[in-house]
Amino acid sequence: MKNIVVLGDGMADYPVESLGGKTPLQAARKPVLDGLARRGILGLVQTVPEGMSPGSDTANLAVLGYDPRIYYTGRSPFEAASMGIKLKNGDVAFRCNLVTLSEDEPYEEKVMLDHSAGQISSEEARELISLVNERLASPGIGFYPGISYRHLMVWEDGPHEWRMTPPHDILGRKVGTYLPEGSHNGVLRKMMQKSAQFLSGHEANTKRTAKGLGTANAIWLWGHGQRAQLASFAEKYKLSGAVISEVDLVRGLGLCAGLEVLEVPGMTGDNHTNFVGMAEAALASLKSGTDFVYLHLEAPDEYGHRQEVANKVRAIELIDEHVLRVLKKSLDSWGEPYRLMVLPDHATPLSLRTHTSDPVPFVIYQSDRHPFGGASGYDEFSALETGIKIPAGYRLMDYFLGVTDLGEMTA
């Protein structure tokens, strides 16, 4: 049986006044997803364990079937794996965002305006990270370019005890209160402050300003961690698997789990991404003999952070129209039974502009079974009404793949 998970990052939300008190999932036109909910199993799942930060790292780890309390060593090691950076024991990786800070104040008084530097292109970002490495690298510390605003710093045999804040958690706030805390915090703080002194005048930023685009005028270090080691997904579930994602975090998570990372041209992580191409790549992988595909889509999360209501609703509609419709139409035509699960990793409420630990709605559709039905559609409140809740998110994959039954999951 073929198995596919479609994960809309940050898709869950709270009621929004401008949507008439509906959530984006309730407001979006999504006939395929609503149809899956009516003919499948709809419920809520707690993807983020109590006491852990509600990040895409911990949540996607859980959705893939790994208990974050056991396997989580930090966000950046997964990103390093995706970027081909081999971490040694003792090395510490840090996410290095290119961000937009307000310009005129002393550094600690500056305000975090945009965690994504206006969704800067990878080409522009490469130039800037090259300059950052040239100016700030030292023996044992180096910077590595990633995708768009998401990059990496590695400190060989570096200190690993830190208190750090994601930039998307402090939008609109002064940065001084949220700078890194640790035994060597002066090293990181100095690099972050120095970056704000030389990046804004770079030619790439001058051109962006002329076009009315946000500038990448500083770096922000966060999400530290040491080398990750996951049990093989193939050994765990006796299935071959692949992952498709626009972001290094999920690609690296897949690599660490032994999944094949599939490349798709035109992946951008927003509403301009190659939705159809990603769906077609998943189908091609399944057709070629792969048993399981994890298809991760970043767009809803980005618009939650940016507080763009219409774009978040549209992201959900595009996933329904260009991913789920394409997948279901082809899978149905093959004439073989398959399983399809759709869910977010976490909520990214528009009102908060950051992640929360709220349980999120999941739907599992198996083409040769329609066990419950009766749900009106797929959204947070319809899922709540079913009374089905899986408290340990890492066990959801066991149920999806038929390893355990629903009674064991909800007990």
Protein backbone atom coordinates (compact mmCIF):
# COMPACT_ATOMS: atom_id res chain seq x y z
CA MET A 1 0.00 0.00 0.00
CA LYS A 2 1.26 3.48 -0.87
CA ASN A 3 1.38 6.08 1.91
CA ILE A 4 1.67 9.85 1.67
CA VAL A 5 1.65 12.61 4.28
CA VAL A 6 0.89 16.18 3.19
CA LEU A 7 1.92 18.65 5.87
CA GLY A 8 0.86 22.31 5.64
CA ASP A 9 3.29 24.05 7.95
CA GLY A 10 1.57 26.29 10.50
CA MET A 11 -1.80 25.79 8.79
CA ALA A 12 -3.86 25.75 12.01
CA ASP A 13 -4.95 29.06 13.53
CA TYR A 14 -7.45 30.90 15.73
CA PRO A 15 -10.67 32.64 14.63
CA VAL A 16 -9.91 35.84 12.72
CA GLU A 17 -12.19 38.88 12.96
CA SER A 18 -11.69 39.90 9.32
CA LEU A 19 -12.76 36.39 8.28
CA GLY A 20 -16.05 36.72 10.14
CA GLY A 21 -14.77 34.85 13.18
CA LYS A 22 -13.58 31.89 11.12
CA THR A 23 -10.13 30.37 11.10
CA PRO A 24 -8.22 30.35 7.78
CA LEU A 25 -9.01 26.64 7.46
CA GLN A 26 -12.72 27.36 7.89
CA ALA A 27 -12.62 30.30 5.48
CA ALA A 28 -10.62 28.62 2.72
CA ARG A 29 -12.31 26.91 -0.21
CA LYS A 30 -10.86 23.40 -0.02
CA PRO A 31 -13.26 20.81 -1.48
CA VAL A 32 -10.71 17.99 -1.65
CA LEU A 33 -9.60 18.34 1.96
CA ASP A 34 -13.18 18.65 3.20
CA GLY A 35 -14.07 15.53 1.22
CA LEU A 36 -11.22 13.61 2.86
CA ALA A 37 -12.53 14.66 6.28
CA ARG A 38 -16.05 13.47 5.46
CA ARG A 39 -14.80 10.07 4.32
CA GLY A 40 -11.84 9.58 6.62
CA ILE A 41 -10.84 9.84 10.25
CA LEU A 42 -10.67 13.38 11.61
CA GLY A 43 -9.25 14.31 14.98
CA LEU A 44 -6.75 16.36 16.94
CA VAL A 45 -3.13 15.48 17.67
CA GLN A 46 -0.71 17.01 20.17
CA THR A 47 2.43 17.26 18.07
CA VAL A 48 4.50 19.29 20.56
CA PRO A 49 5.21 17.55 23.89
CA GLU A 50 4.46 19.48 27.06
CA GLY A 51 7.36 21.67 28.07
CA MET A 52 9.00 21.75 24.64
CA SER A 53 9.16 24.73 22.31
CA PRO A 54 6.51 24.63 19.54
CA GLY A 55 8.91 24.64 16.61
CA SER A 56 8.71 23.02 13.22
CA ASP A 57 11.68 20.94 14.38
CA THR A 58 10.02 19.25 17.36
CA ALA A 59 6.63 19.03 15.63
CA ASN A 60 7.83 17.49 12.34
CA LEU A 61 10.02 15.10 14.30
CA ALA A 62 6.91 13.92 16.13
CA VAL A 63 4.78 13.67 12.99
CA LEU A 64 7.46 11.46 11.40
CA GLY A 65 7.13 9.09 14.34
CA TYR A 66 10.05 10.10 16.58
CA ASP A 67 9.55 11.14 20.20
CA PRO A 68 11.12 14.63 20.45
CA ARG A 69 11.83 14.07 24.13
CA ILE A 70 14.26 11.32 23.10
CA TYR A 71 15.60 12.35 19.70
CA TYR A 72 15.64 16.14 19.69
CA THR A 73 19.11 17.71 19.98
CA GLY A 74 18.30 21.09 18.42
CA ARG A 75 17.04 22.50 15.15
CA SER A 76 20.23 23.36 13.31
CA PRO A 77 21.76 19.86 13.12
CA PHE A 78 18.91 18.84 10.80
CA GLU A 79 19.54 21.89 8.64
CA ALA A 80 23.25 21.09 8.60
CA ALA A 81 22.50 17.58 7.34
CA SER A 82 20.44 18.99 4.47
CA MET A 83 23.26 21.38 3.54
CA GLY A 84 25.84 18.59 3.48
CA ILE A 85 27.67 19.88 6.55
CA LYS A 86 29.15 17.03 8.58
CA LEU A 87 28.99 17.86 12.26
CA LYS A 88 31.49 16.15 14.54
CA ASN A 89 30.85 15.24 18.15
CA GLY A 90 31.09 18.47 20.11
CA ASP A 91 30.31 20.78 17.20
CA VAL A 92 27.42 23.18 17.72
CA ALA A 93 25.32 24.44 14.81
CA PHE A 94 23.27 27.64 14.93
CA ARG A 95 20.54 28.86 12.58
CA CYS A 96 21.67 32.17 11.11
CA ASN A 97 18.74 34.22 9.83
CA LEU A 98 19.16 37.25 7.64
CA VAL A 99 16.73 39.70 9.23
CA THR A 100 15.48 43.26 8.92
CA LEU A 101 16.06 45.48 11.95
CA SER A 102 15.05 49.11 12.34
CA GLU A 103 17.90 51.37 11.25
CA ASP A 104 18.40 54.42 13.44
CA GLU A 105 18.64 53.25 17.06
CA PRO A 106 21.62 51.84 19.02
CA TYR A 107 21.81 48.09 18.42
CA GLU A 108 19.96 46.87 21.52
CA GLU A 109 17.18 49.40 20.88
CA LYS A 110 16.59 48.22 17.32
CA VAL A 111 13.26 46.55 16.54
CA MET A 112 12.89 43.19 14.79
CA LEU A 113 10.87 44.14 11.71
CA ASP A 114 11.11 40.97 9.61
CA HIS A 115 12.60 37.57 10.42
CA SER A 116 12.91 36.78 6.69
CA ALA A 117 14.53 39.98 5.35
CA GLY A 118 11.65 40.48 2.97
CA GLN A 119 11.85 36.88 1.73
CA ILE A 120 15.26 37.64 0.26
CA SER A 121 16.29 35.48 -2.69
CA SER A 122 18.90 32.76 -2.25
CA GLU A 123 21.15 34.46 -4.80
CA GLU A 124 21.16 37.77 -2.91
CA ALA A 125 21.54 35.99 0.41
CA ARG A 126 24.59 34.06 -0.79
CA GLU A 127 26.43 37.32 -1.41
CA LEU A 128 25.60 38.58 2.06
CA ILE A 129 26.50 35.38 3.89
CA SER A 130 29.79 35.32 2.00
CA LEU A 131 30.49 38.78 3.37
CA VAL A 132 29.40 37.71 6.86
CA ASN A 133 31.82 34.78 6.71
CA GLU A 134 34.61 37.04 5.45
CA ARG A 135 34.10 39.57 8.25
CA LEU A 136 33.02 37.40 11.19
CA ALA A 137 34.46 33.90 10.76
CA SER A 138 37.38 32.86 12.96
CA PRO A 139 39.28 29.63 13.62
CA GLY A 140 36.59 27.08 14.48
CA ILE A 141 33.65 29.31 13.51
CA GLY A 142 32.22 29.47 9.99
CA PHE A 143 29.07 30.55 8.15
CA TYR A 144 27.32 28.52 5.44
CA PRO A 145 24.73 29.74 2.90
CA GLY A 146 21.34 28.04 2.78
CA ILE A 147 18.03 28.96 1.15
CA SER A 148 16.50 32.46 1.18
CA TYR A 149 16.95 33.92 4.68
CA ARG A 150 17.84 30.59 6.33
CA HIS A 151 21.57 29.97 6.85
CA LEU A 152 23.91 28.28 9.29
CA MET A 153 26.84 28.96 11.58
CA VAL A 154 28.98 26.13 12.99
CA TRP A 155 31.20 26.45 16.07
CA GLU A 156 33.62 23.53 16.30
CA ASP A 157 33.76 22.14 19.84
CA GLY A 158 31.69 25.12 20.88
CA PRO A 159 29.66 25.70 24.04
CA HIS A 160 26.29 24.01 23.80
CA GLU A 161 24.33 25.51 26.70
CA TRP A 162 22.40 28.52 25.37
CA ARG A 163 19.15 30.38 25.82
CA MET A 164 18.20 31.74 22.41
CA THR A 165 15.07 33.27 20.90
CA PRO A 166 13.70 32.71 17.37
CA PRO A 167 13.42 36.02 15.49
CA HIS A 168 9.85 35.24 14.42
CA ASP A 169 8.89 35.25 18.12
CA ILE A 170 9.93 38.88 18.64
CA LEU A 171 8.53 40.70 15.62
CA GLY A 172 7.84 44.31 16.52
CA ARG A 173 9.97 44.14 19.69
CA LYS A 174 13.34 45.61 20.65
CA VAL A 175 16.06 43.00 20.28
CA GLY A 176 18.11 43.84 23.38
CA THR A 177 16.05 41.69 25.74
CA TYR A 178 16.32 38.64 23.47
CA LEU A 179 20.03 38.41 22.68
CA PRO A 180 21.76 35.04 23.28
CA GLU A 181 22.42 34.02 26.87
CA GLY A 182 25.23 31.60 27.71
CA SER A 183 28.76 31.27 29.01
CA HIS A 184 30.18 32.75 25.79
CA ASN A 185 27.32 35.08 24.91
CA GLY A 186 29.72 37.93 24.22
CA VAL A 187 31.05 36.12 21.15
CA LEU A 188 27.64 35.71 19.53
CA ARG A 189 26.35 39.13 20.55
CA LYS A 190 29.43 40.82 19.11
CA MET A 191 28.99 39.05 15.77
CA MET A 192 25.30 39.92 15.59
CA GLN A 193 25.98 43.56 16.43
CA LYS A 194 28.87 43.85 13.96
CA SER A 195 26.71 42.40 11.17
CA ALA A 196 24.28 45.29 11.62
CA GLN A 197 27.16 47.71 11.04
CA PHE A 198 28.26 46.42 7.63
CA LEU A 199 25.33 44.63 5.96
CA SER A 200 22.95 47.53 5.36
CA GLY A 201 25.36 49.27 2.97
CA HIS A 202 25.93 46.21 0.78
CA GLU A 203 25.03 46.59 -2.89
CA ALA A 204 22.39 43.84 -2.64
CA ASN A 205 20.58 45.83 0.06
CA THR A 206 20.93 49.10 -1.82
CA LYS A 207 19.20 47.48 -4.81
CA ARG A 208 16.47 46.03 -2.58
CA THR A 209 15.82 49.43 -1.04
CA ALA A 210 15.49 50.97 -4.50
CA LYS A 211 12.87 48.34 -5.35
CA GLY A 212 10.95 48.95 -2.12
CA LEU A 213 11.97 45.58 -0.69
CA GLY A 214 13.02 44.79 2.87
CA THR A 215 16.75 44.76 3.51
CA ALA A 216 18.85 42.03 5.10
CA ASN A 217 20.66 44.40 7.43
CA ALA A 218 21.67 42.00 10.22
CA ILE A 219 22.07 38.35 11.17
CA TRP A 220 20.22 36.66 14.03
CA LEU A 221 21.64 33.50 15.63
CA TRP A 222 19.33 30.96 17.28
CA GLY A 223 18.20 27.31 17.15
CA HIS A 224 21.48 25.78 18.34
CA GLY A 225 22.07 22.05 18.58
CA GLN A 226 24.51 19.16 18.31
CA ARG A 227 24.69 16.26 15.87
CA ALA A 228 21.40 14.39 15.57
CA GLN A 229 21.05 10.61 15.41
CA LEU A 230 17.70 9.09 14.45
CA ALA A 231 16.65 5.48 14.10
CA SER A 232 16.15 4.59 10.45
CA PHE A 233 12.57 5.11 9.22
CA ALA A 234 12.98 2.06 6.97
CA GLU A 235 14.02 -0.13 9.89
CA LYS A 236 11.32 1.32 12.14
CA TYR A 237 8.42 0.83 9.71
CA LYS A 238 9.81 -1.61 7.09
CA LEU A 239 9.00 0.93 4.35
CA SER A 240 11.13 2.81 1.86
CA GLY A 241 10.56 6.54 2.01
CA ALA A 242 11.22 9.98 0.56
CA VAL A 243 10.78 13.58 1.63
CA ILE A 244 9.95 16.70 -0.37
CA SER A 245 10.34 20.08 1.31
CA GLU A 246 11.31 23.65 0.51
CA VAL A 247 13.24 24.06 3.77
CA ASP A 248 16.53 22.61 4.97
CA LEU A 249 15.08 21.71 8.37
CA VAL A 250 12.64 19.10 7.05
CA ARG A 251 14.97 17.91 4.29
CA GLY A 252 17.67 17.34 6.90
CA LEU A 253 15.25 15.62 9.24
CA GLY A 254 14.41 13.26 6.39
CA LEU A 255 18.07 12.60 5.66
CA CYS A 256 18.77 11.82 9.31
CA ALA A 257 15.87 9.33 9.20
CA GLY A 258 17.28 7.70 6.06
CA LEU A 259 14.64 9.08 3.68
CA GLU A 260 15.54 10.05 0.13
CA VAL A 261 15.38 13.82 -0.44
CA LEU A 262 13.63 14.63 -3.72
CA GLU A 263 14.59 17.79 -5.61
CA VAL A 264 11.88 19.84 -7.34
CA PRO A 265 12.60 22.97 -9.39
CA GLY A 266 10.84 26.17 -8.36
CA MET A 267 10.34 25.48 -4.65
CA THR A 268 10.08 28.86 -2.90
CA GLY A 269 8.22 28.25 0.38
CA ASP A 270 5.43 30.71 -0.38
CA ASN A 271 2.36 30.97 -2.63
CA HIS A 272 4.60 31.10 -5.69
CA THR A 273 6.13 27.70 -5.03
CA ASN A 274 5.85 24.84 -7.51
CA PHE A 275 2.89 23.13 -5.83
CA VAL A 276 2.04 20.95 -8.84
CA GLY A 277 5.67 19.97 -9.37
CA MET A 278 5.98 18.84 -5.76
CA ALA A 279 2.80 16.75 -6.02
CA GLU A 280 3.99 15.21 -9.28
CA ALA A 281 7.39 14.41 -7.77
CA ALA A 282 5.66 12.61 -4.90
CA LEU A 283 3.57 10.59 -7.35
CA ALA A 284 6.60 9.72 -9.47
CA SER A 285 8.43 8.48 -6.39
CA LEU A 286 5.50 6.31 -5.32
CA LYS A 287 5.09 5.01 -8.86
CA SER A 288 8.76 4.02 -9.00
CA GLY A 289 8.38 1.81 -5.93
CA THR A 290 8.75 4.07 -2.90
CA ASP A 291 6.31 3.10 -0.13
CA PHE A 292 6.06 6.42 1.74
CA VAL A 293 6.41 10.12 0.87
CA TYR A 294 6.45 13.05 3.31
CA LEU A 295 5.43 16.21 1.44
CA HIS A 296 6.03 19.37 3.48
CA LEU A 297 4.69 22.77 2.36
CA GLU A 298 5.94 25.94 4.04
CA ALA A 299 3.60 28.65 2.71
CA PRO A 300 0.87 28.79 5.42
CA ASP A 301 3.49 29.24 8.14
CA GLU A 302 5.21 32.11 6.34
CA TYR A 303 1.98 34.07 6.03
CA GLY A 304 1.07 33.38 9.65
CA HIS A 305 4.35 34.95 10.74
CA ARG A 306 3.80 37.87 8.37
CA GLN A 307 0.19 38.36 9.55
CA GLU A 308 -1.10 38.21 5.97
CA VAL A 309 -4.63 36.87 6.35
CA ALA A 310 -5.61 36.65 2.68
CA ASN A 311 -2.34 35.00 1.71
CA LYS A 312 -2.64 32.37 4.44
CA VAL A 313 -6.15 31.49 3.29
CA ARG A 314 -4.93 31.39 -0.29
CA ALA A 315 -2.02 29.12 0.66
CA ILE A 316 -4.50 26.57 2.01
CA GLU A 317 -6.58 26.83 -1.15
CA LEU A 318 -3.51 26.34 -3.35
CA ILE A 319 -2.50 23.23 -1.40
CA ASP A 320 -6.00 21.84 -1.89
CA GLU A 321 -6.20 22.69 -5.59
CA HIS A 322 -2.66 22.00 -6.78
CA VAL A 323 -1.42 19.34 -4.36
CA LEU A 324 -4.29 17.33 -2.88
CA ARG A 325 -6.43 17.35 -6.03
CA VAL A 326 -3.45 16.25 -8.16
CA LEU A 327 -2.47 13.53 -5.69
CA LYS A 328 -5.95 12.11 -5.17
CA LYS A 329 -6.85 12.10 -8.86
CA SER A 330 -3.72 10.14 -9.79
CA LEU A 331 -3.79 7.80 -6.81
CA ASP A 332 -7.45 6.95 -7.47
CA SER A 333 -6.63 6.18 -11.11
CA TRP A 334 -3.98 3.64 -10.15
CA GLY A 335 -6.65 1.31 -8.81
CA GLU A 336 -4.62 0.31 -5.75
CA PRO A 337 -5.41 1.10 -2.10
CA TYR A 338 -3.49 3.96 -0.53
CA ARG A 339 -3.35 6.02 2.65
CA LEU A 340 -3.26 9.82 2.71
CA MET A 341 -2.78 11.94 5.84
CA VAL A 342 -3.06 15.74 5.93
CA LEU A 343 -2.18 17.94 8.91
CA PRO A 344 -0.16 20.93 10.11
CA ASP A 345 2.87 20.48 12.31
CA HIS A 346 1.70 23.26 14.66
CA ALA A 347 -0.49 26.34 14.63
CA THR A 348 0.93 29.71 13.54
CA PRO A 349 -1.88 32.08 14.56
CA LEU A 350 -2.08 35.30 12.58
CA SER A 351 -2.88 37.21 15.76
CA LEU A 352 0.36 36.06 17.44
CA ARG A 353 2.71 35.81 14.43
CA THR A 354 4.45 32.84 16.03
CA HIS A 355 3.94 29.15 16.79
CA THR A 356 1.79 27.69 19.55
CA SER A 357 1.56 24.26 21.16
CA ASP A 358 -2.18 23.84 20.53
CA PRO A 359 -3.30 20.42 19.25
CA VAL A 360 -3.79 20.46 15.49
CA PRO A 361 -6.35 18.77 13.21
CA PHE A 362 -5.35 15.67 11.28
CA VAL A 363 -7.26 13.63 8.73
CA ILE A 364 -6.41 10.11 7.62
CA TYR A 365 -8.03 8.81 4.45
CA GLN A 366 -7.67 5.19 3.37
CA SER A 367 -9.03 4.60 -0.10
CA ASP A 368 -10.46 1.15 0.61
CA ARG A 369 -12.08 2.09 3.95
CA HIS A 370 -14.48 4.81 5.10
CA PRO A 371 -14.86 3.93 8.79
CA PHE A 372 -16.50 6.96 10.39
CA GLY A 373 -17.42 9.88 8.19
CA GLY A 374 -19.93 12.47 9.26
CA ALA A 375 -17.53 15.36 9.70
CA SER A 376 -18.67 18.58 8.04
CA GLY A 377 -15.19 19.40 6.81
CA TYR A 378 -11.55 19.82 7.77
CA ASP A 379 -10.80 22.51 10.34
CA GLU A 380 -9.85 22.94 13.98
CA PHE A 381 -13.40 22.93 15.38
CA SER A 382 -14.71 20.06 13.25
CA ALA A 383 -11.75 18.01 14.49
CA LEU A 384 -12.55 18.93 18.08
CA GLU A 385 -16.17 17.83 17.63
CA THR A 386 -15.14 14.26 16.70
CA GLY A 387 -13.81 13.70 20.22
CA ILE A 388 -10.73 11.98 18.80
CA LYS A 389 -7.47 13.26 20.28
CA ILE A 390 -4.05 11.67 20.15
CA PRO A 391 -2.06 13.05 23.10
CA ALA A 392 1.37 11.78 22.00
CA GLY A 393 1.95 13.09 18.50
CA TYR A 394 4.86 10.77 17.71
CA ARG A 395 2.43 7.82 17.87
CA LEU A 396 0.23 9.17 15.07
CA MET A 397 2.55 7.73 12.41
CA ASP A 398 2.17 4.28 13.97
CA TYR A 399 -1.58 4.53 13.55
CA PHE A 400 -1.38 5.98 10.05
CA LEU A 401 0.83 3.12 8.87
CA GLY A 402 -1.31 0.45 10.52
CA VAL A 403 1.12 -0.48 13.27
CA THR A 404 -1.36 0.24 16.07
CA ASP A 405 -5.08 0.93 16.31
CA LEU A 406 -6.90 4.10 17.28
CA GLY A 407 -7.84 2.85 20.74
CA GLU A 408 -4.19 2.53 21.69
CA MET A 409 -3.46 6.04 20.37
CA THR A 410 -6.18 7.80 22.35
CA ALA A 411 -5.70 5.85 25.58
